């Protein structure tokens, strides 16, 4: 059961985990392996409190302390395990996106910000399946198959064909090897329909590029 029913229930001060290329979306699940001492500390504190962490990408700045992206996603720790060598294996389930507000200097080893959720109220109400036309689904499927074939990737097509559109789109946006800026665009899309359109467009752009112009992702 979802722990939050309204924006007012969400914590205003949250720890953040800056990690470029890692995307968490509302309703999505992101497995993480935590090993840096400051982030082990962060997880310890989260587990003792609200069990929440804000996943966020960066946008330049110094290597030691990069600037934070303007939008991240609050995740709740829904799975936790500790390895024999002291690492944490956790899963974050996306709750709601947030606008990055003031960063607080609380003398903690990890970073914390004030989160603003007002723009993303619909993230807590995702029960209605969006309407996607048969034409849009066919266009998407064609672009996805081309993308996967060119990268010698595969998915379980039987499962994908019956999966709710939100689960399918979110899992592909989070899991496929898109650039950090492209993943940020998925996060900042106004709604699931916008994310679906952005994903389809990026897949089609990739399909239109000659093989010798594609970046080497290995």
Protein backbone atom coordinates (compact mmCIF):
# COMPACT_ATOMS: atom_id res chain seq x y z
CA UNK A 1 0.00 0.00 0.00
CA UNK A 2 1.30 3.45 -0.88
CA UNK A 3 2.54 5.27 2.23
CA UNK A 4 1.60 8.71 0.92
CA UNK A 5 -1.90 9.89 0.01
CA UNK A 6 -1.33 13.60 -0.58
CA UNK A 7 1.50 16.02 -1.25
CA UNK A 8 1.20 17.28 2.30
CA UNK A 9 2.30 13.84 3.54
CA UNK A 10 5.62 13.99 1.70
CA UNK A 11 8.78 14.98 3.58
CA UNK A 12 10.01 18.48 2.83
CA UNK A 13 13.67 17.91 3.70
CA UNK A 14 15.16 14.90 1.93
CA UNK A 15 18.59 13.32 1.42
CA UNK A 16 19.61 13.12 -2.22
CA UNK A 17 21.74 10.62 -4.11
CA UNK A 18 23.30 12.29 -7.19
CA UNK A 19 23.90 9.60 -9.79
CA UNK A 20 24.03 10.45 -13.48
CA UNK A 21 22.42 7.91 -15.78
CA UNK A 22 20.29 6.42 -13.00
CA UNK A 23 16.62 7.23 -13.48
CA UNK A 24 13.80 6.67 -11.00
CA UNK A 25 10.22 7.36 -12.06
CA UNK A 26 7.04 7.36 -9.99
CA UNK A 27 5.92 3.76 -9.62
CA UNK A 28 9.22 2.43 -10.95
CA UNK A 29 11.70 0.27 -9.05
CA UNK A 30 15.41 1.04 -9.03
CA UNK A 31 17.87 -1.48 -7.54
CA UNK A 32 21.02 0.11 -6.10
CA UNK A 33 24.25 -1.19 -4.64
CA UNK A 34 25.54 1.19 -1.95
CA UNK A 35 29.17 1.06 -0.91
CA UNK A 36 30.51 4.61 -0.40
CA UNK A 37 30.66 5.46 3.33
CA UNK A 38 28.66 8.69 2.98
CA UNK A 39 25.84 6.89 1.20
CA UNK A 40 25.93 3.98 3.61
CA UNK A 41 25.38 6.66 6.26
CA UNK A 42 22.54 8.09 4.20
CA UNK A 43 20.80 4.72 3.96
CA UNK A 44 21.28 4.12 7.69
CA UNK A 45 19.59 7.44 8.45
CA UNK A 46 16.83 6.81 5.92
CA UNK A 47 16.06 3.39 7.37
CA UNK A 48 15.84 4.93 10.84
CA UNK A 49 13.44 7.59 9.58
CA UNK A 50 11.04 7.91 6.64
CA UNK A 51 12.90 5.38 4.46
CA UNK A 52 13.09 7.90 1.61
CA UNK A 53 15.89 9.08 -0.67
CA UNK A 54 15.76 11.52 -3.56
CA UNK A 55 17.39 10.26 -6.75
CA UNK A 56 18.79 13.09 -8.85
CA UNK A 57 21.19 13.74 -11.70
CA UNK A 58 23.73 16.55 -11.94
CA UNK A 59 24.18 19.47 -14.32
CA UNK A 60 27.77 20.59 -14.31
CA UNK A 61 29.78 22.26 -11.58
CA UNK A 62 32.83 20.85 -9.86
CA UNK A 63 33.58 17.14 -9.85
CA UNK A 64 33.72 17.16 -6.06
CA UNK A 65 30.37 18.92 -5.67
CA UNK A 66 28.38 19.05 -8.91
CA UNK A 67 25.26 21.14 -9.29
CA UNK A 68 22.02 19.25 -8.86
CA UNK A 69 19.40 18.95 -11.59
CA UNK A 70 16.25 20.99 -11.10
CA UNK A 71 14.01 17.88 -10.92
CA UNK A 72 14.53 14.57 -9.13
CA UNK A 73 12.32 11.74 -7.89
CA UNK A 74 11.62 10.75 -4.31
CA UNK A 75 11.97 7.02 -3.70
CA UNK A 76 11.04 4.85 -0.76
CA UNK A 77 13.27 1.98 0.30
CA UNK A 78 11.11 -1.09 -0.28
CA UNK A 79 13.85 -3.72 -0.21
CA UNK A 80 17.00 -3.80 1.91
CA UNK A 81 19.79 -6.31 2.39
CA UNK A 82 23.33 -6.11 3.74
CA UNK A 83 26.20 -8.13 2.27
CA UNK A 84 28.99 -9.77 4.23
CA UNK A 85 31.46 -7.12 3.04
CA UNK A 86 29.33 -4.22 4.26
CA UNK A 87 27.52 -3.17 1.10
CA UNK A 88 23.80 -2.41 1.05
CA UNK A 89 21.54 -3.79 -1.66
CA UNK A 90 18.39 -1.70 -1.77
CA UNK A 91 15.45 -1.11 -4.05
CA UNK A 92 13.86 2.32 -4.32
CA UNK A 93 10.25 2.55 -5.43
CA UNK A 94 9.43 5.89 -7.01
CA UNK A 95 6.87 7.97 -5.11
CA UNK A 96 6.77 11.49 -6.55
CA UNK A 97 8.98 13.86 -8.53
CA UNK A 98 10.22 17.01 -6.86
CA UNK A 99 11.64 20.40 -7.70
CA UNK A 100 15.08 20.87 -6.16
CA UNK A 101 14.90 23.71 -3.67
CA UNK A 102 17.40 25.11 -1.22
CA UNK A 103 20.31 22.85 -0.36
CA UNK A 104 20.93 22.75 3.37
CA UNK A 105 24.32 22.70 5.05
CA UNK A 106 23.64 20.43 7.99
CA UNK A 107 27.20 19.14 8.37
CA UNK A 108 26.16 15.73 7.11
CA UNK A 109 28.37 13.59 4.84
CA UNK A 110 25.62 13.46 2.21
CA UNK A 111 23.57 16.22 0.58
CA UNK A 112 20.05 17.29 1.57
CA UNK A 113 17.59 19.63 -0.12
CA UNK A 114 14.16 21.11 0.41
CA UNK A 115 11.84 19.40 -2.04
CA UNK A 116 8.88 21.02 -3.77
CA UNK A 117 6.16 18.69 -5.02
CA UNK A 118 3.43 21.12 -6.09
CA UNK A 119 4.02 20.64 -9.83
CA UNK A 120 3.78 16.87 -9.61
CA UNK A 121 0.58 16.16 -7.70
CA UNK A 122 -0.60 13.69 -10.32
CA UNK A 123 2.33 11.40 -9.51
CA UNK A 124 0.42 10.16 -6.45
CA UNK A 125 -2.69 9.32 -8.49
CA UNK A 126 -1.73 6.86 -11.23
CA UNK A 127 -4.68 4.47 -11.12
CA UNK A 128 -6.19 5.45 -14.49
CA UNK A 129 -4.52 3.79 -17.49
CA UNK A 130 -3.84 6.48 -20.13
CA UNK A 131 -5.43 6.08 -23.53
CA UNK A 132 -2.92 5.27 -26.26
CA UNK A 133 -4.19 4.77 -29.79
CA UNK A 134 -3.51 1.58 -31.73
CA UNK A 135 -1.57 3.67 -34.22
CA UNK A 136 0.68 5.10 -31.50
CA UNK A 137 1.26 1.64 -30.03
CA UNK A 138 2.20 0.21 -33.43
CA UNK A 139 4.58 3.11 -34.12
CA UNK A 140 6.17 2.61 -30.72
CA UNK A 141 6.55 -1.16 -31.14
CA UNK A 142 8.21 -0.75 -34.54
CA UNK A 143 10.69 1.82 -33.20
CA UNK A 144 11.46 -0.30 -30.12
CA UNK A 145 12.15 -3.45 -32.14
CA UNK A 146 14.52 -1.54 -34.43
CA UNK A 147 16.32 -0.01 -31.44
CA UNK A 148 16.76 -3.35 -29.68
CA UNK A 149 17.87 -5.17 -32.82
CA UNK A 150 20.55 -2.58 -33.59
CA UNK A 151 21.97 -2.95 -30.09
CA UNK A 152 21.55 -6.70 -29.94
CA UNK A 153 19.29 -6.33 -26.92
CA UNK A 154 16.12 -8.22 -26.17
CA UNK A 155 13.08 -8.05 -23.92
CA UNK A 156 10.35 -10.49 -23.01
CA UNK A 157 7.89 -9.57 -25.76
CA UNK A 158 5.15 -11.81 -24.38
CA UNK A 159 5.26 -9.97 -21.06
CA UNK A 160 5.64 -6.57 -22.73
CA UNK A 161 2.56 -7.12 -24.90
CA UNK A 162 0.28 -7.45 -21.87
CA UNK A 163 2.04 -5.09 -19.45
CA UNK A 164 0.24 -1.88 -18.38
CA UNK A 165 1.53 0.99 -20.50
CA UNK A 166 2.88 2.85 -17.45
CA UNK A 167 4.94 -0.10 -16.27
CA UNK A 168 6.28 -0.77 -19.78
CA UNK A 169 7.20 2.83 -20.57
CA UNK A 170 8.76 3.46 -17.17
CA UNK A 171 10.82 0.27 -17.23
CA UNK A 172 12.16 1.07 -20.71
CA UNK A 173 12.96 4.69 -19.86
CA UNK A 174 14.80 3.56 -16.74
CA UNK A 175 16.50 0.49 -18.16
CA UNK A 176 17.56 1.28 -21.74
CA UNK A 177 21.01 2.88 -22.24
CA UNK A 178 19.93 6.42 -22.99
CA UNK A 179 22.17 9.41 -22.29
CA UNK A 180 21.74 11.20 -18.92
CA UNK A 181 20.19 14.25 -20.62
CA UNK A 182 17.66 12.03 -22.36
CA UNK A 183 16.78 10.31 -19.10
CA UNK A 184 16.30 13.72 -17.51
CA UNK A 185 13.91 14.60 -20.32
CA UNK A 186 11.85 11.50 -19.49
CA UNK A 187 11.74 12.58 -15.86
CA UNK A 188 10.65 16.11 -16.70
CA UNK A 189 7.94 15.11 -19.18
CA UNK A 190 4.67 16.50 -17.82
CA UNK A 191 2.89 13.15 -17.65
CA UNK A 192 2.98 9.56 -18.84
CA UNK A 193 1.62 10.50 -22.27
CA UNK A 194 4.46 12.98 -22.67
CA UNK A 195 6.99 10.38 -21.53
CA UNK A 196 5.57 7.84 -24.00
CA UNK A 197 5.83 10.38 -26.83
CA UNK A 198 9.40 11.32 -25.87
CA UNK A 199 10.44 7.66 -25.70
CA UNK A 200 8.91 6.91 -29.10
CA UNK A 201 10.64 9.93 -30.65
CA UNK A 202 14.06 8.98 -29.28
CA UNK A 203 13.66 5.40 -30.48
CA UNK A 204 12.73 6.64 -33.94
CA UNK A 205 15.65 9.08 -34.06
CA UNK A 206 17.98 6.21 -33.25
CA UNK A 207 16.43 4.09 -35.99
CA UNK A 208 17.02 6.85 -38.54
CA UNK A 209 20.75 7.20 -37.79
CA UNK A 210 23.28 5.36 -39.98
CA UNK A 211 25.15 2.67 -38.09
CA UNK A 212 28.47 4.53 -38.37
CA UNK A 213 26.97 7.63 -36.69
CA UNK A 214 25.66 5.86 -33.62
CA UNK A 215 27.67 6.33 -30.44
CA UNK A 216 29.60 3.33 -29.17
CA UNK A 217 27.81 2.44 -25.93
CA UNK A 218 30.22 -0.28 -24.91
